[in-house]
Protein backbone atom coordinates (compact mmCIF):
# COMPACT_ATOMS: atom_id res chain seq x y z
CA MET A 1 15.46 75.45 71.58
CA ASP A 2 16.35 78.77 73.18
CA ASN A 3 19.70 80.51 72.81
CA ASP A 4 20.78 79.78 76.39
CA LEU A 5 20.35 76.04 75.90
CA LEU A 6 22.08 76.19 72.52
CA THR A 7 25.04 78.00 74.07
CA LEU A 8 25.19 75.46 76.89
CA LEU A 9 25.08 72.49 74.52
CA ARG A 10 27.86 73.95 72.41
CA SER A 11 30.00 74.27 75.54
CA VAL A 12 29.83 70.62 76.65
CA ASP A 13 30.97 67.37 75.06
CA THR A 14 28.76 64.61 73.74
CA PRO A 15 29.41 62.19 76.65
CA THR A 16 28.10 64.90 78.99
CA VAL A 17 24.93 65.18 76.91
CA CYS A 18 24.57 61.39 76.79
CA ASN A 19 24.78 61.16 80.59
CA ALA A 20 22.51 64.16 81.09
CA ILE A 21 19.80 62.55 78.99
CA GLU A 22 19.80 59.60 81.40
CA VAL A 23 19.58 62.04 84.32
CA ALA A 24 16.60 63.74 82.68
CA GLN A 25 14.96 60.37 82.00
CA GLY A 26 15.70 59.17 85.54
CA LYS A 27 17.11 55.84 84.40
CA ARG A 28 19.97 54.13 82.61
CA GLY A 29 19.57 52.67 79.13
CA PHE A 30 19.49 55.61 76.72
CA ASN A 31 20.83 54.15 73.46
CA ALA A 32 20.33 56.68 70.65
CA PHE A 33 24.05 57.13 70.06
CA THR A 34 26.66 56.08 67.51
CA ARG A 35 28.67 52.89 67.86
CA GLY A 36 32.32 52.33 67.08
CA THR A 37 35.14 54.83 66.68
CA MET A 38 34.40 57.90 64.61
CA LEU A 39 36.90 60.49 63.37
CA ALA A 40 36.72 64.26 63.84
CA ASN A 41 38.36 66.90 61.66
CA ASP A 42 38.52 69.23 64.69
CA PRO A 43 39.19 67.69 68.13
CA GLN A 44 37.56 70.73 69.77
CA GLY A 45 34.62 70.93 67.38
CA VAL A 46 31.07 70.54 68.69
CA MET A 47 27.96 70.55 66.50
CA VAL A 48 24.41 71.04 67.72
CA GLY A 49 21.39 71.26 65.46
CA TYR A 50 18.38 69.74 63.77
CA ALA A 51 19.17 66.98 61.30
CA VAL A 52 18.86 67.55 57.58
CA THR A 53 19.29 64.06 56.18
CA ALA A 54 20.47 62.53 52.93
CA GLN A 55 21.97 59.37 51.48
CA ILE A 56 24.93 59.14 49.11
CA ALA A 57 26.89 56.41 47.32
CA ALA A 58 30.23 56.43 45.50
CA VAL A 59 31.61 52.96 44.79
CA ALA A 60 29.65 52.56 41.55
CA PRO A 61 28.66 55.29 39.08
CA PRO A 62 24.99 56.37 39.07
CA THR A 63 22.69 54.60 36.64
CA GLU A 64 20.24 57.47 36.15
CA ASP A 65 20.69 60.14 33.50
CA ALA A 66 22.72 63.25 34.26
CA ALA A 67 19.67 65.51 34.50
CA ALA A 68 18.09 63.36 37.23
CA ILE A 69 21.35 63.23 39.17
CA ARG A 70 21.77 67.00 38.95
CA ALA A 71 18.15 67.64 39.98
CA ARG A 72 18.59 65.52 43.09
CA ARG A 73 21.88 67.23 43.89
CA MET A 74 20.18 70.63 43.70
CA ALA A 75 17.31 69.35 45.87
CA TYR A 76 19.93 68.23 48.37
CA TYR A 77 21.63 71.62 48.53
CA LYS A 78 18.28 73.41 48.74
CA ALA A 79 17.28 71.23 51.71
CA MET A 80 20.60 71.90 53.44
CA ALA A 81 20.35 75.64 52.83
CA GLU A 82 16.75 76.01 53.96
CA GLY A 83 16.52 73.57 56.89
CA PRO A 84 15.56 75.01 60.30
CA LYS A 85 18.57 76.45 62.12
CA PRO A 86 20.65 75.46 63.90
CA SER A 87 21.08 72.50 61.56
CA VAL A 88 23.41 69.56 61.07
CA ALA A 89 23.97 67.72 57.78
CA VAL A 90 23.48 64.02 58.54
CA VAL A 91 24.54 62.03 55.50
CA GLU A 92 24.47 58.24 55.30
CA ASP A 93 26.90 56.63 52.87
CA LEU A 94 25.10 53.58 51.51
CA ASP A 95 28.45 51.96 50.67
CA TYR A 96 29.34 51.66 54.37
CA PRO A 97 31.31 49.73 55.65
CA ASN A 98 33.12 49.85 52.29
CA ALA A 99 32.74 53.59 51.71
CA ILE A 100 35.37 55.16 49.45
CA GLY A 101 33.86 58.47 48.31
CA ALA A 102 35.07 61.46 50.37
CA TYR A 103 32.02 63.70 50.15
CA TRP A 104 33.25 65.99 52.92
CA GLY A 105 36.28 68.08 52.01
CA GLU A 106 37.21 71.67 51.28
CA VAL A 107 34.35 72.32 48.84
CA ASN A 108 31.40 70.82 50.70
CA THR A 109 32.42 72.05 54.15
CA THR A 110 32.73 75.56 52.73
CA ILE A 111 29.34 75.34 51.02
CA HIS A 112 27.53 73.95 54.06
CA LYS A 113 29.18 76.44 56.40
CA GLY A 114 28.05 79.16 54.03
CA PHE A 115 24.51 77.87 54.40
CA GLY A 116 24.82 78.54 58.14
CA MET A 117 24.92 74.89 59.17
CA SER A 118 26.60 73.75 62.40
CA GLY A 119 28.51 70.74 61.07
CA ALA A 120 28.27 67.38 59.33
CA LEU A 121 27.80 63.85 60.64
CA THR A 122 28.41 60.86 58.37
CA ASN A 123 29.35 57.20 58.37
CA GLY A 124 31.23 57.96 55.16
CA VAL A 125 34.53 59.52 54.21
CA MET A 126 36.19 62.92 54.64
CA ARG A 127 39.36 64.40 53.11
CA ASP A 128 41.19 67.73 52.67
CA LEU A 129 41.89 67.76 56.39
CA GLY A 130 44.11 70.81 56.15
CA ASP A 131 41.71 72.76 53.94
CA MET A 132 38.25 72.18 55.42
CA ALA A 133 36.20 75.23 56.34
CA PRO A 134 37.32 76.42 59.80
CA GLY A 135 34.66 76.25 62.47
CA PHE A 136 32.69 73.57 60.61
CA PRO A 137 33.09 70.26 62.49
CA VAL A 138 32.86 67.01 60.57
CA VAL A 139 32.49 63.68 62.37
CA ALA A 140 32.97 60.84 59.89
CA GLY A 141 33.41 57.11 59.60
CA SER A 142 36.76 57.27 57.82
CA ILE A 143 39.36 59.35 55.98
CA GLY A 144 40.32 58.80 52.35
CA PRO A 145 41.75 60.57 49.30
CA SER A 146 39.15 59.98 46.56
CA HIS A 147 35.62 61.14 45.85
CA GLY A 148 34.90 58.03 43.76
CA PHE A 149 31.59 58.29 41.91
CA VAL A 150 29.92 60.12 44.77
CA HIS A 151 26.33 61.17 44.11
CA VAL A 152 23.21 61.91 46.13
CA ARG A 153 20.72 59.06 46.29
CA SER A 154 17.95 60.56 48.43
CA VAL A 155 17.10 63.58 50.58
CA ASN A 156 15.06 64.05 53.77
CA GLN A 157 14.47 60.47 54.84
CA PRO A 158 15.45 58.41 57.90
CA VAL A 159 19.12 57.40 57.90
CA LYS A 160 21.43 55.24 60.01
CA ILE A 161 24.83 56.55 61.09
CA MET A 162 27.11 54.05 62.84
CA GLY A 163 24.18 52.21 64.38
CA MET A 164 22.23 55.38 65.29
CA ASP A 165 18.87 56.01 63.63
CA VAL A 166 18.25 59.64 62.65
CA ARG A 167 15.06 61.18 61.30
CA PRO A 168 14.81 64.56 59.61
CA GLY A 169 14.47 67.21 62.30
CA ASP A 170 16.02 65.16 65.12
CA LEU A 171 18.16 67.23 67.50
CA ILE A 172 21.79 66.13 67.17
CA HIS A 173 24.80 66.66 69.41
CA ALA A 174 28.13 65.44 68.07
CA ASP A 175 31.86 65.81 68.67
CA ARG A 176 35.01 63.67 68.48
CA HIS A 177 33.34 60.99 70.63
CA GLY A 178 30.48 60.42 68.17
CA ALA A 179 26.89 61.61 68.25
CA VAL A 180 23.57 61.34 70.08
CA VAL A 181 19.97 62.08 69.16
CA ILE A 182 18.45 64.16 71.95
CA PRO A 183 14.90 62.98 72.71
CA PRO A 184 12.43 65.87 72.34
CA GLU A 185 10.78 65.10 75.67
CA VAL A 186 13.97 65.89 77.62
CA VAL A 187 14.95 69.14 75.90
CA GLU A 188 13.33 71.40 78.52
CA GLN A 189 15.01 69.42 81.32
CA LEU A 190 18.42 69.21 79.72
CA ALA A 191 20.05 72.30 81.23
CA GLY A 192 19.06 71.24 84.74
CA ALA A 193 20.15 67.66 84.05
CA ILE A 194 23.59 68.79 82.88
CA ALA A 195 24.01 70.92 86.01
CA LYS A 196 22.90 68.04 88.25
CA MET A 197 25.21 65.57 86.53
CA GLN A 198 28.21 67.88 86.81
CA GLU A 199 27.43 68.55 90.47
CA THR A 200 27.18 64.81 91.13
CA GLU A 201 30.49 64.09 89.43
CA ARG A 202 32.19 66.72 91.58
CA LEU A 203 31.37 64.60 94.64
CA VAL A 204 34.15 62.27 93.44
CA LEU A 205 36.29 64.56 91.31
CA ASP A 206 36.91 67.24 93.94
CA PRO A 207 38.17 64.83 96.62
CA ALA A 208 40.21 62.89 94.03
CA ARG A 209 42.00 66.07 93.03
CA ALA A 210 42.64 67.17 96.61
CA GLU A 211 45.90 66.59 98.42
CA GLY A 212 45.96 63.53 100.66
CA PHE A 213 43.36 61.56 98.69
CA ASP A 214 43.39 57.92 99.80
CA PHE A 215 41.10 54.91 99.85
CA ASN A 216 39.15 56.12 102.89
CA ALA A 217 38.50 59.46 101.21
CA PHE A 218 37.56 57.62 98.02
CA GLU A 219 35.13 55.30 99.80
CA LYS A 220 33.38 58.23 101.45
CA ALA A 221 33.21 60.18 98.20
CA TRP A 222 32.03 57.19 96.19
CA THR A 223 29.25 56.46 98.68
CA ALA A 224 27.96 60.01 98.26
CA PHE A 225 28.32 59.70 94.48
CA GLU A 226 26.36 56.44 94.35
CA LYS A 227 23.49 57.96 96.31
CA ALA A 228 23.32 60.97 94.00
CA ARG A 229 23.76 59.50 90.53
CA THR A 230 21.25 57.97 88.14
């Protein structure tokens, strides 16, 4: 992904990317996106990057010995630090929908931002909302006060976040609306698809914002919009 595309993707919201993927594919039906309402620590935050995946759990304490738990934790941080940039931490909480362990707070957002990562996506819990690392978006399944018995269960394997399947290395776009996995076959077409989609939407938006807009103006604008959209 070149810098121009990265800059563009960071400037648009996730619904725009979701629609643009359909424009690039030339059809409706793209479904690699999260379901349900997710929560964002920064309403303006946008993350774009290649997924570095992991699984955690926190309701019950780990059953392995401390050395094994620490070794996996270090393997986790090494993977996050060394993953191809731009990168996004995509962490599945295996306790979902009963997740209680707030893995994402002041400490982990600061560490992952220090690694140069773009943000974190999880079906799990976040906390420390006033103390998270600035400029490090987190999109999570819930907010809670406790870390429980949180521990890393696995690293670099397929995960599921709010109904969306993510593999290591998938290109992620996420913001306060949720997240999408961008199919690799549309990446080169994405900039043009975003421009086309925005141009198509203006066929309705510009008349609707103009003085004197009425049903006749709407019908004319909508007819043009229908002919142009995917």
